[in-house]
Structure formats: C-alpha cells, structure tokens
mmCIF file of all heavy atoms, coordinates in Angstrom:
data_MODEL
# 
_entry.id   MODEL 
# 
loop_
_atom_site.group_PDB 
_atom_site.id 
_atom_site.type_symbol 
_atom_site.label_atom_id 
_atom_site.label_alt_id 
_atom_site.label_comp_id 
_atom_site.label_asym_id 
_atom_site.label_entity_id 
_atom_site.label_seq_id 
_atom_site.pdbx_PDB_ins_code 
_atom_site.Cartn_x 
_atom_site.Cartn_y 
_atom_site.Cartn_z 
_atom_site.occupancy 
_atom_site.B_iso_or_equiv 
_atom_site.pdbx_formal_charge 
_atom_site.auth_seq_id 
_atom_site.auth_comp_id 
_atom_site.auth_asym_id 
_atom_site.auth_atom_id 
_atom_site.pdbx_PDB_model_num 
ATOM 1   N N   . MET A 1 1  ? -105.380 -43.174 290.159 1.00 0.00 ? 1  MET A N   1 
ATOM 2   C CA  . MET A 1 1  ? -106.660 -42.694 290.760 1.00 0.00 ? 1  MET A CA  1 
ATOM 3   C C   . MET A 1 1  ? -106.520 -42.867 292.287 1.00 0.00 ? 1  MET A C   1 
ATOM 4   O O   . MET A 1 1  ? -105.682 -43.751 292.727 1.00 0.00 ? 1  MET A O   1 
ATOM 5   C CB  . MET A 1 1  ? -107.914 -43.418 290.241 1.00 0.00 ? 1  MET A CB  1 
ATOM 6   C CG  . MET A 1 1  ? -108.125 -43.193 288.806 1.00 0.00 ? 1  MET A CG  1 
ATOM 7   S SD  . MET A 1 1  ? -108.368 -41.366 288.407 1.00 0.00 ? 1  MET A SD  1 
ATOM 8   C CE  . MET A 1 1  ? -110.054 -41.131 289.102 1.00 0.00 ? 1  MET A CE  1 
ATOM 9   N N   . PRO A 1 2  ? -107.294 -42.157 293.107 1.00 0.00 ? 2  PRO A N   1 
ATOM 10  C CA  . PRO A 1 2  ? -107.177 -42.395 294.626 1.00 0.00 ? 2  PRO A CA  1 
ATOM 11  C C   . PRO A 1 2  ? -107.461 -43.849 294.954 1.00 0.00 ? 2  PRO A C   1 
ATOM 12  O O   . PRO A 1 2  ? -108.306 -44.485 294.385 1.00 0.00 ? 2  PRO A O   1 
ATOM 13  C CB  . PRO A 1 2  ? -108.307 -41.397 295.107 1.00 0.00 ? 2  PRO A CB  1 
ATOM 14  C CG  . PRO A 1 2  ? -108.418 -40.365 294.103 1.00 0.00 ? 2  PRO A CG  1 
ATOM 15  C CD  . PRO A 1 2  ? -108.166 -41.099 292.820 1.00 0.00 ? 2  PRO A CD  1 
ATOM 16  N N   . ASP A 1 3  ? -106.739 -44.299 295.961 1.00 0.00 ? 3  ASP A N   1 
ATOM 17  C CA  . ASP A 1 3  ? -107.003 -45.667 296.463 1.00 0.00 ? 3  ASP A CA  1 
ATOM 18  C C   . ASP A 1 3  ? -108.206 -45.820 297.302 1.00 0.00 ? 3  ASP A C   1 
ATOM 19  O O   . ASP A 1 3  ? -108.760 -46.876 297.458 1.00 0.00 ? 3  ASP A O   1 
ATOM 20  C CB  . ASP A 1 3  ? -105.758 -46.158 297.290 1.00 0.00 ? 3  ASP A CB  1 
ATOM 21  C CG  . ASP A 1 3  ? -104.516 -46.410 296.369 1.00 0.00 ? 3  ASP A CG  1 
ATOM 22  O OD1 . ASP A 1 3  ? -104.703 -46.787 295.275 1.00 0.00 ? 3  ASP A OD1 1 
ATOM 23  O OD2 . ASP A 1 3  ? -103.379 -46.118 296.898 1.00 0.00 ? 3  ASP A OD2 1 
ATOM 24  N N   . GLN A 1 4  ? -108.574 -44.684 298.041 1.00 0.00 ? 4  GLN A N   1 
ATOM 25  C CA  . GLN A 1 4  ? -109.722 -44.683 298.858 1.00 0.00 ? 4  GLN A CA  1 
ATOM 26  C C   . GLN A 1 4  ? -110.583 -43.632 298.569 1.00 0.00 ? 4  GLN A C   1 
ATOM 27  O O   . GLN A 1 4  ? -110.222 -42.426 298.073 1.00 0.00 ? 4  GLN A O   1 
ATOM 28  C CB  . GLN A 1 4  ? -109.302 -44.656 300.343 1.00 0.00 ? 4  GLN A CB  1 
ATOM 29  C CG  . GLN A 1 4  ? -108.507 -45.870 300.791 1.00 0.00 ? 4  GLN A CG  1 
ATOM 30  C CD  . GLN A 1 4  ? -108.054 -45.801 302.273 1.00 0.00 ? 4  GLN A CD  1 
ATOM 31  O OE1 . GLN A 1 4  ? -108.176 -44.651 302.824 1.00 0.00 ? 4  GLN A OE1 1 
ATOM 32  N NE2 . GLN A 1 4  ? -107.717 -46.804 302.842 1.00 0.00 ? 4  GLN A NE2 1 
ATOM 33  N N   . TRP A 1 5  ? -111.975 -43.876 298.654 1.00 0.00 ? 5  TRP A N   1 
ATOM 34  C CA  . TRP A 1 5  ? -112.972 -42.772 298.417 1.00 0.00 ? 5  TRP A CA  1 
ATOM 35  C C   . TRP A 1 5  ? -113.781 -42.729 299.721 1.00 0.00 ? 5  TRP A C   1 
ATOM 36  O O   . TRP A 1 5  ? -114.446 -43.737 300.142 1.00 0.00 ? 5  TRP A O   1 
ATOM 37  C CB  . TRP A 1 5  ? -113.834 -43.142 297.244 1.00 0.00 ? 5  TRP A CB  1 
ATOM 38  C CG  . TRP A 1 5  ? -113.077 -43.245 295.948 1.00 0.00 ? 5  TRP A CG  1 
ATOM 39  C CD1 . TRP A 1 5  ? -112.590 -44.390 295.368 1.00 0.00 ? 5  TRP A CD1 1 
ATOM 40  C CD2 . TRP A 1 5  ? -112.774 -42.232 295.005 1.00 0.00 ? 5  TRP A CD2 1 
ATOM 41  N NE1 . TRP A 1 5  ? -111.944 -44.176 294.174 1.00 0.00 ? 5  TRP A NE1 1 
ATOM 42  C CE2 . TRP A 1 5  ? -112.096 -42.752 293.995 1.00 0.00 ? 5  TRP A CE2 1 
ATOM 43  C CE3 . TRP A 1 5  ? -113.058 -40.844 295.106 1.00 0.00 ? 5  TRP A CE3 1 
ATOM 44  C CZ2 . TRP A 1 5  ? -111.630 -41.962 292.929 1.00 0.00 ? 5  TRP A CZ2 1 
ATOM 45  C CZ3 . TRP A 1 5  ? -112.598 -40.035 293.915 1.00 0.00 ? 5  TRP A CZ3 1 
ATOM 46  C CH2 . TRP A 1 5  ? -111.904 -40.686 292.938 1.00 0.00 ? 5  TRP A CH2 1 
ATOM 47  N N   . GLN A 1 6  ? -113.930 -41.526 300.222 1.00 0.00 ? 6  GLN A N   1 
ATOM 48  C CA  . GLN A 1 6  ? -114.673 -41.381 301.503 1.00 0.00 ? 6  GLN A CA  1 
ATOM 49  C C   . GLN A 1 6  ? -116.155 -41.284 301.258 1.00 0.00 ? 6  GLN A C   1 
ATOM 50  O O   . GLN A 1 6  ? -116.669 -40.367 300.451 1.00 0.00 ? 6  GLN A O   1 
ATOM 51  C CB  . GLN A 1 6  ? -114.208 -40.052 302.183 1.00 0.00 ? 6  GLN A CB  1 
ATOM 52  C CG  . GLN A 1 6  ? -114.818 -39.841 303.576 1.00 0.00 ? 6  GLN A CG  1 
ATOM 53  C CD  . GLN A 1 6  ? -114.223 -38.614 304.242 1.00 0.00 ? 6  GLN A CD  1 
ATOM 54  O OE1 . GLN A 1 6  ? -113.413 -37.899 303.766 1.00 0.00 ? 6  GLN A OE1 1 
ATOM 55  N NE2 . GLN A 1 6  ? -114.686 -38.323 305.386 1.00 0.00 ? 6  GLN A NE2 1 
ATOM 56  N N   . ALA A 1 7  ? -116.939 -41.979 302.002 1.00 0.00 ? 7  ALA A N   1 
ATOM 57  C CA  . ALA A 1 7  ? -118.435 -41.887 301.903 1.00 0.00 ? 7  ALA A CA  1 
ATOM 58  C C   . ALA A 1 7  ? -118.762 -40.461 302.328 1.00 0.00 ? 7  ALA A C   1 
ATOM 59  O O   . ALA A 1 7  ? -118.282 -39.926 303.212 1.00 0.00 ? 7  ALA A O   1 
ATOM 60  C CB  . ALA A 1 7  ? -119.020 -42.904 302.864 1.00 0.00 ? 7  ALA A CB  1 
ATOM 61  N N   . GLY A 1 8  ? -119.808 -40.065 301.576 1.00 0.00 ? 8  GLY A N   1 
ATOM 62  C CA  . GLY A 1 8  ? -120.335 -38.701 301.840 1.00 0.00 ? 8  GLY A CA  1 
ATOM 63  C C   . GLY A 1 8  ? -119.714 -37.612 300.867 1.00 0.00 ? 8  GLY A C   1 
ATOM 64  O O   . GLY A 1 8  ? -120.212 -36.472 300.860 1.00 0.00 ? 8  GLY A O   1 
ATOM 65  N N   . ARG A 1 9  ? -118.598 -37.999 300.311 1.00 0.00 ? 9  ARG A N   1 
ATOM 66  C CA  . ARG A 1 9  ? -117.959 -36.973 299.371 1.00 0.00 ? 9  ARG A CA  1 
ATOM 67  C C   . ARG A 1 9  ? -118.899 -36.876 298.073 1.00 0.00 ? 9  ARG A C   1 
ATOM 68  O O   . ARG A 1 9  ? -119.388 -37.882 297.527 1.00 0.00 ? 9  ARG A O   1 
ATOM 69  C CB  . ARG A 1 9  ? -116.621 -37.475 298.957 1.00 0.00 ? 9  ARG A CB  1 
ATOM 70  C CG  . ARG A 1 9  ? -115.782 -36.544 298.091 1.00 0.00 ? 9  ARG A CG  1 
ATOM 71  C CD  . ARG A 1 9  ? -114.429 -36.993 297.764 1.00 0.00 ? 9  ARG A CD  1 
ATOM 72  N NE  . ARG A 1 9  ? -113.712 -36.069 296.925 1.00 0.00 ? 9  ARG A NE  1 
ATOM 73  C CZ  . ARG A 1 9  ? -112.471 -36.316 296.495 1.00 0.00 ? 9  ARG A CZ  1 
ATOM 74  N NH1 . ARG A 1 9  ? -111.838 -37.416 296.791 1.00 0.00 ? 9  ARG A NH1 1 
ATOM 75  N NH2 . ARG A 1 9  ? -111.860 -35.371 295.722 1.00 0.00 ? 9  ARG A NH2 1 
ATOM 76  N N   . THR A 1 10 ? -118.943 -35.588 297.604 1.00 0.00 ? 10 THR A N   1 
ATOM 77  C CA  . THR A 1 10 ? -119.598 -35.345 296.349 1.00 0.00 ? 10 THR A CA  1 
ATOM 78  C C   . THR A 1 10 ? -118.660 -35.096 295.244 1.00 0.00 ? 10 THR A C   1 
ATOM 79  O O   . THR A 1 10 ? -117.633 -34.465 295.511 1.00 0.00 ? 10 THR A O   1 
ATOM 80  C CB  . THR A 1 10 ? -120.672 -34.174 296.513 1.00 0.00 ? 10 THR A CB  1 
ATOM 81  O OG1 . THR A 1 10 ? -119.854 -33.026 296.987 1.00 0.00 ? 10 THR A OG1 1 
ATOM 82  C CG2 . THR A 1 10 ? -121.724 -34.507 297.527 1.00 0.00 ? 10 THR A CG2 1 
ATOM 83  N N   . LEU A 1 11 ? -118.982 -35.549 294.024 1.00 0.00 ? 11 LEU A N   1 
ATOM 84  C CA  . LEU A 1 11 ? -118.106 -35.469 292.876 1.00 0.00 ? 11 LEU A CA  1 
ATOM 85  C C   . LEU A 1 11 ? -119.027 -35.108 291.730 1.00 0.00 ? 11 LEU A C   1 
ATOM 86  O O   . LEU A 1 11 ? -120.121 -35.544 291.579 1.00 0.00 ? 11 LEU A O   1 
ATOM 87  C CB  . LEU A 1 11 ? -117.380 -36.791 292.584 1.00 0.00 ? 11 LEU A CB  1 
ATOM 88  C CG  . LEU A 1 11 ? -116.435 -37.274 293.602 1.00 0.00 ? 11 LEU A CG  1 
ATOM 89  C CD1 . LEU A 1 11 ? -115.989 -38.672 293.292 1.00 0.00 ? 11 LEU A CD1 1 
ATOM 90  C CD2 . LEU A 1 11 ? -115.277 -36.306 293.728 1.00 0.00 ? 11 LEU A CD2 1 
ATOM 91  N N   . GLY A 1 12 ? -118.441 -34.253 290.818 1.00 0.00 ? 12 GLY A N   1 
ATOM 92  C CA  . GLY A 1 12 ? -119.171 -33.966 289.514 1.00 0.00 ? 12 GLY A CA  1 
ATOM 93  C C   . GLY A 1 12 ? -118.637 -35.041 288.450 1.00 0.00 ? 12 GLY A C   1 
ATOM 94  O O   . GLY A 1 12 ? -117.597 -35.615 288.686 1.00 0.00 ? 12 GLY A O   1 
ATOM 95  N N   . PHE A 1 13 ? -119.293 -35.178 287.464 1.00 0.00 ? 13 PHE A N   1 
ATOM 96  C CA  . PHE A 1 13 ? -118.959 -36.143 286.413 1.00 0.00 ? 13 PHE A CA  1 
ATOM 97  C C   . PHE A 1 13 ? -119.560 -35.723 285.124 1.00 0.00 ? 13 PHE A C   1 
ATOM 98  O O   . PHE A 1 13 ? -120.587 -35.088 284.965 1.00 0.00 ? 13 PHE A O   1 
ATOM 99  C CB  . PHE A 1 13 ? -119.413 -37.589 286.766 1.00 0.00 ? 13 PHE A CB  1 
ATOM 100 C CG  . PHE A 1 13 ? -120.918 -37.716 286.809 1.00 0.00 ? 13 PHE A CG  1 
ATOM 101 C CD1 . PHE A 1 13 ? -121.603 -38.051 285.683 1.00 0.00 ? 13 PHE A CD1 1 
ATOM 102 C CD2 . PHE A 1 13 ? -121.692 -37.566 287.977 1.00 0.00 ? 13 PHE A CD2 1 
ATOM 103 C CE1 . PHE A 1 13 ? -123.020 -38.219 285.669 1.00 0.00 ? 13 PHE A CE1 1 
ATOM 104 C CE2 . PHE A 1 13 ? -123.029 -37.685 288.015 1.00 0.00 ? 13 PHE A CE2 1 
ATOM 105 C CZ  . PHE A 1 13 ? -123.678 -37.999 286.844 1.00 0.00 ? 13 PHE A CZ  1 
ATOM 106 N N   . ASP A 1 14 ? -118.920 -36.211 284.063 1.00 0.00 ? 14 ASP A N   1 
ATOM 107 C CA  . ASP A 1 14 ? -119.530 -36.294 282.667 1.00 0.00 ? 14 ASP A CA  1 
ATOM 108 C C   . ASP A 1 14 ? -119.461 -37.813 282.292 1.00 0.00 ? 14 ASP A C   1 
ATOM 109 O O   . ASP A 1 14 ? -118.509 -38.616 282.649 1.00 0.00 ? 14 ASP A O   1 
ATOM 110 C CB  . ASP A 1 14 ? -118.647 -35.548 281.681 1.00 0.00 ? 14 ASP A CB  1 
ATOM 111 C CG  . ASP A 1 14 ? -118.730 -34.003 281.824 1.00 0.00 ? 14 ASP A CG  1 
ATOM 112 O OD1 . ASP A 1 14 ? -119.904 -33.561 281.663 1.00 0.00 ? 14 ASP A OD1 1 
ATOM 113 O OD2 . ASP A 1 14 ? -117.766 -33.336 282.040 1.00 0.00 ? 14 ASP A OD2 1 
ATOM 114 N N   . ILE A 1 15 ? -120.443 -38.226 281.535 1.00 0.00 ? 15 ILE A N   1 
ATOM 115 C CA  . ILE A 1 15 ? -120.463 -39.571 281.110 1.00 0.00 ? 15 ILE A CA  1 
ATOM 116 C C   . ILE A 1 15 ? -121.294 -39.737 279.832 1.00 0.00 ? 15 ILE A C   1 
ATOM 117 O O   . ILE A 1 15 ? -122.360 -39.039 279.608 1.00 0.00 ? 15 ILE A O   1 
ATOM 118 C CB  . ILE A 1 15 ? -121.121 -40.479 282.265 1.00 0.00 ? 15 ILE A CB  1 
ATOM 119 C CG1 . ILE A 1 15 ? -120.971 -41.957 281.874 1.00 0.00 ? 15 ILE A CG1 1 
ATOM 120 C CG2 . ILE A 1 15 ? -122.602 -40.108 282.520 1.00 0.00 ? 15 ILE A CG2 1 
ATOM 121 C CD1 . ILE A 1 15 ? -121.217 -42.898 283.119 1.00 0.00 ? 15 ILE A CD1 1 
ATOM 122 N N   . ARG A 1 16 ? -120.851 -40.605 278.895 1.00 0.00 ? 16 ARG A N   1 
ATOM 123 C CA  . ARG A 1 16 ? -121.514 -40.942 277.650 1.00 0.00 ? 16 ARG A CA  1 
ATOM 124 C C   . ARG A 1 16 ? -122.264 -42.235 277.970 1.00 0.00 ? 16 ARG A C   1 
ATOM 125 O O   . ARG A 1 16 ? -121.614 -43.194 278.239 1.00 0.00 ? 16 ARG A O   1 
ATOM 126 C CB  . ARG A 1 16 ? -120.635 -41.044 276.516 1.00 0.00 ? 16 ARG A CB  1 
ATOM 127 C CG  . ARG A 1 16 ? -121.306 -41.371 275.202 1.00 0.00 ? 16 ARG A CG  1 
ATOM 128 C CD  . ARG A 1 16 ? -120.285 -41.677 274.137 1.00 0.00 ? 16 ARG A CD  1 
ATOM 129 N NE  . ARG A 1 16 ? -120.952 -41.965 272.873 1.00 0.00 ? 16 ARG A NE  1 
ATOM 130 C CZ  . ARG A 1 16 ? -120.348 -42.687 271.857 1.00 0.00 ? 16 ARG A CZ  1 
ATOM 131 N NH1 . ARG A 1 16 ? -119.099 -43.177 272.125 1.00 0.00 ? 16 ARG A NH1 1 
ATOM 132 N NH2 . ARG A 1 16 ? -121.037 -42.933 270.783 1.00 0.00 ? 16 ARG A NH2 1 
ATOM 133 N N   . LEU A 1 17 ? -123.589 -42.314 277.772 1.00 0.00 ? 17 LEU A N   1 
ATOM 134 C CA  . LEU A 1 17 ? -124.381 -43.461 278.143 1.00 0.00 ? 17 LEU A CA  1 
ATOM 135 C C   . LEU A 1 17 ? -125.173 -43.957 276.914 1.00 0.00 ? 17 LEU A C   1 
ATOM 136 O O   . LEU A 1 17 ? -125.508 -43.229 276.066 1.00 0.00 ? 17 LEU A O   1 
ATOM 137 C CB  . LEU A 1 17 ? -125.254 -42.966 279.290 1.00 0.00 ? 17 LEU A CB  1 
ATOM 138 C CG  . LEU A 1 17 ? -124.759 -42.622 280.598 1.00 0.00 ? 17 LEU A CG  1 
ATOM 139 C CD1 . LEU A 1 17 ? -125.872 -42.010 281.524 1.00 0.00 ? 17 LEU A CD1 1 
ATOM 140 C CD2 . LEU A 1 17 ? -124.181 -43.934 281.249 1.00 0.00 ? 17 LEU A CD2 1 
ATOM 141 N N   . CYS A 1 18 ? -125.399 -45.271 276.998 1.00 0.00 ? 18 CYS A N   1 
ATOM 142 C CA  . CYS A 1 18 ? -126.353 -45.923 276.118 1.00 0.00 ? 18 CYS A CA  1 
ATOM 143 C C   . CYS A 1 18 ? -127.573 -46.438 276.903 1.00 0.00 ? 18 CYS A C   1 
ATOM 144 O O   . CYS A 1 18 ? -127.537 -47.564 277.378 1.00 0.00 ? 18 CYS A O   1 
ATOM 145 C CB  . CYS A 1 18 ? -125.694 -47.005 275.402 1.00 0.00 ? 18 CYS A CB  1 
ATOM 146 S SG  . CYS A 1 18 ? -126.656 -47.825 274.089 1.00 0.00 ? 18 CYS A SG  1 
ATOM 147 N N   . PRO A 1 19 ? -128.469 -45.538 277.198 1.00 0.00 ? 19 PRO A N   1 
ATOM 148 C CA  . PRO A 1 19 ? -129.589 -45.911 278.241 1.00 0.00 ? 19 PRO A CA  1 
ATOM 149 C C   . PRO A 1 19 ? -130.696 -46.784 277.576 1.00 0.00 ? 19 PRO A C   1 
ATOM 150 O O   . PRO A 1 19 ? -131.584 -46.287 276.963 1.00 0.00 ? 19 PRO A O   1 
ATOM 151 C CB  . PRO A 1 19 ? -130.041 -44.593 278.557 1.00 0.00 ? 19 PRO A CB  1 
ATOM 152 C CG  . PRO A 1 19 ? -129.872 -43.685 277.448 1.00 0.00 ? 19 PRO A CG  1 
ATOM 153 C CD  . PRO A 1 19 ? -128.626 -44.122 276.812 1.00 0.00 ? 19 PRO A CD  1 
ATOM 154 N N   . VAL A 1 20 ? -130.473 -48.127 277.712 1.00 0.00 ? 20 VAL A N   1 
ATOM 155 C CA  . VAL A 1 20 ? -131.406 -49.046 277.119 1.00 0.00 ? 20 VAL A CA  1 
ATOM 156 C C   . VAL A 1 20 ? -131.897 -50.009 278.218 1.00 0.00 ? 20 VAL A C   1 
ATOM 157 O O   . VAL A 1 20 ? -131.296 -50.180 279.213 1.00 0.00 ? 20 VAL A O   1 
ATOM 158 C CB  . VAL A 1 20 ? -130.770 -49.916 276.005 1.00 0.00 ? 20 VAL A CB  1 
ATOM 159 C CG1 . VAL A 1 20 ? -130.428 -49.002 274.810 1.00 0.00 ? 20 VAL A CG1 1 
ATOM 160 C CG2 . VAL A 1 20 ? -129.481 -50.588 276.502 1.00 0.00 ? 20 VAL A CG2 1 
ATOM 161 N N   . VAL A 1 21 ? -133.115 -50.578 277.958 1.00 0.00 ? 21 VAL A N   1 
ATOM 162 C CA  . VAL A 1 21 ? -133.686 -51.603 278.793 1.00 0.00 ? 21 VAL A CA  1 
ATOM 163 C C   . VAL A 1 21 ? -134.167 -52.759 277.973 1.00 0.00 ? 21 VAL A C   1 
ATOM 164 O O   . VAL A 1 21 ? -134.270 -52.638 276.757 1.00 0.00 ? 21 VAL A O   1 
ATOM 165 C CB  . VAL A 1 21 ? -134.900 -51.020 279.597 1.00 0.00 ? 21 VAL A CB  1 
ATOM 166 C CG1 . VAL A 1 21 ? -134.475 -49.738 280.469 1.00 0.00 ? 21 VAL A CG1 1 
ATOM 167 C CG2 . VAL A 1 21 ? -136.028 -50.501 278.570 1.00 0.00 ? 21 VAL A CG2 1 
ATOM 168 N N   . ARG A 1 22 ? -134.383 -53.930 278.664 1.00 0.00 ? 22 ARG A N   1 
ATOM 169 C CA  . ARG A 1 22 ? -134.884 -55.142 278.016 1.00 0.00 ? 22 ARG A CA  1 
ATOM 170 C C   . ARG A 1 22 ? -136.385 -55.196 278.185 1.00 0.00 ? 22 ARG A C   1 
ATOM 171 O O   . ARG A 1 22 ? -136.879 -55.012 279.346 1.00 0.00 ? 22 ARG A O   1 
ATOM 172 C CB  . ARG A 1 22 ? -134.196 -56.404 278.650 1.00 0.00 ? 22 ARG A CB  1 
ATOM 173 C CG  . ARG A 1 22 ? -132.729 -56.516 278.458 1.00 0.00 ? 22 ARG A CG  1 
ATOM 174 C CD  . ARG A 1 22 ? -132.458 -57.078 277.032 1.00 0.00 ? 22 ARG A CD  1 
ATOM 175 N NE  . ARG A 1 22 ? -131.037 -57.319 276.777 1.00 0.00 ? 22 ARG A NE  1 
ATOM 176 C CZ  . ARG A 1 22 ? -130.562 -57.608 275.611 1.00 0.00 ? 22 ARG A CZ  1 
ATOM 177 N NH1 . ARG A 1 22 ? -131.313 -57.769 274.549 1.00 0.00 ? 22 ARG A NH1 1 
ATOM 178 N NH2 . ARG A 1 22 ? -129.226 -57.717 275.481 1.00 0.00 ? 22 ARG A NH2 1 
ATOM 179 N N   . LYS A 1 23 ? -137.026 -55.394 277.041 1.00 0.00 ? 23 LYS A N   1 
ATOM 180 C CA  . LYS A 1 23 ? -138.462 -55.545 277.057 1.00 0.00 ? 23 LYS A CA  1 
ATOM 181 C C   . LYS A 1 23 ? -138.903 -57.003 277.232 1.00 0.00 ? 23 LYS A C   1 
ATOM 182 O O   . LYS A 1 23 ? -138.844 -57.732 276.174 1.00 0.00 ? 23 LYS A O   1 
ATOM 183 C CB  . LYS A 1 23 ? -139.078 -54.940 275.998 1.00 0.00 ? 23 LYS A CB  1 
ATOM 184 C CG  . LYS A 1 23 ? -138.798 -53.478 275.798 1.00 0.00 ? 23 LYS A CG  1 
ATOM 185 C CD  . LYS A 1 23 ? -139.524 -52.666 276.767 1.00 0.00 ? 23 LYS A CD  1 
ATOM 186 C CE  . LYS A 1 23 ? -141.057 -52.557 276.702 1.00 0.00 ? 23 LYS A CE  1 
ATOM 187 N NZ  . LYS A 1 23 ? -141.684 -51.686 277.744 1.00 0.00 ? 23 LYS A NZ  1 
ATOM 188 N N   . SER A 1 24 ? -139.121 -57.491 278.419 1.00 0.00 ? 24 SER A N   1 
ATOM 189 C CA  . SER A 1 24 ? -139.385 -58.978 278.620 1.00 0.00 ? 24 SER A CA  1 
ATOM 190 C C   . SER A 1 24 ? -140.612 -59.441 277.860 1.00 0.00 ? 24 SER A C   1 
ATOM 191 O O   . SER A 1 24 ? -140.449 -60.561 277.344 1.00 0.00 ? 24 SER A O   1 
ATOM 192 C CB  . SER A 1 24 ? -139.538 -59.226 280.106 1.00 0.00 ? 24 SER A CB  1 
ATOM 193 O OG  . SER A 1 24 ? -140.581 -58.547 280.657 1.00 0.00 ? 24 SER A OG  1 
ATOM 194 N N   . LYS A 1 25 ? -141.654 -58.654 277.714 1.00 0.00 ? 25 LYS A N   1 
ATOM 195 C CA  . LYS A 1 25 ? -142.827 -59.092 276.981 1.00 0.00 ? 25 LYS A CA  1 
ATOM 196 C C   . LYS A 1 25 ? -142.955 -58.684 275.563 1.00 0.00 ? 25 LYS A C   1 
ATOM 197 O O   . LYS A 1 25 ? -143.767 -59.195 274.873 1.00 0.00 ? 25 LYS A O   1 
ATOM 198 C CB  . LYS A 1 25 ? -144.036 -58.732 277.847 1.00 0.00 ? 25 LYS A CB  1 
ATOM 199 C CG  . LYS A 1 25 ? -144.207 -59.292 279.210 1.00 0.00 ? 25 LYS A CG  1 
ATOM 200 C CD  . LYS A 1 25 ? -145.408 -58.863 279.933 1.00 0.00 ? 25 LYS A CD  1 
ATOM 201 C CE  . LYS A 1 25 ? -145.529 -59.455 281.277 1.00 0.00 ? 25 LYS A CE  1 
ATOM 202 N NZ  . LYS A 1 25 ? -146.718 -59.005 282.092 1.00 0.00 ? 25 LYS A NZ  1 
ATOM 203 N N   . GLY A 1 26 ? -142.145 -57.754 275.256 1.00 0.00 ? 26 GLY A N   1 
ATOM 204 C CA  . GLY A 1 26 ? -142.197 -57.215 273.806 1.00 0.00 ? 26 GLY A CA  1 
ATOM 205 C C   . GLY A 1 26 ? -143.389 -56.300 273.735 1.00 0.00 ? 26 GLY A C   1 
ATOM 206 O O   . GLY A 1 26 ? -144.209 -56.191 274.599 1.00 0.00 ? 26 GLY A O   1 
# 
C-alpha cells in the first residue's frame, strides 16, 4: 500500500461493520 497519504485526498471505500455500543446503565 502507499507509504504516504496526503491530507485532503478523498477516497471511496467499502467496509463490513459490526456497529455496536456499550450500554453503561443498561
């Protein structure tokens, strides 16, 4: 993969996520 990534560059992506949160109080 590239060694450097320039700030301001836009990239597309695909990603598989497990979007979970912790419930501190239940």
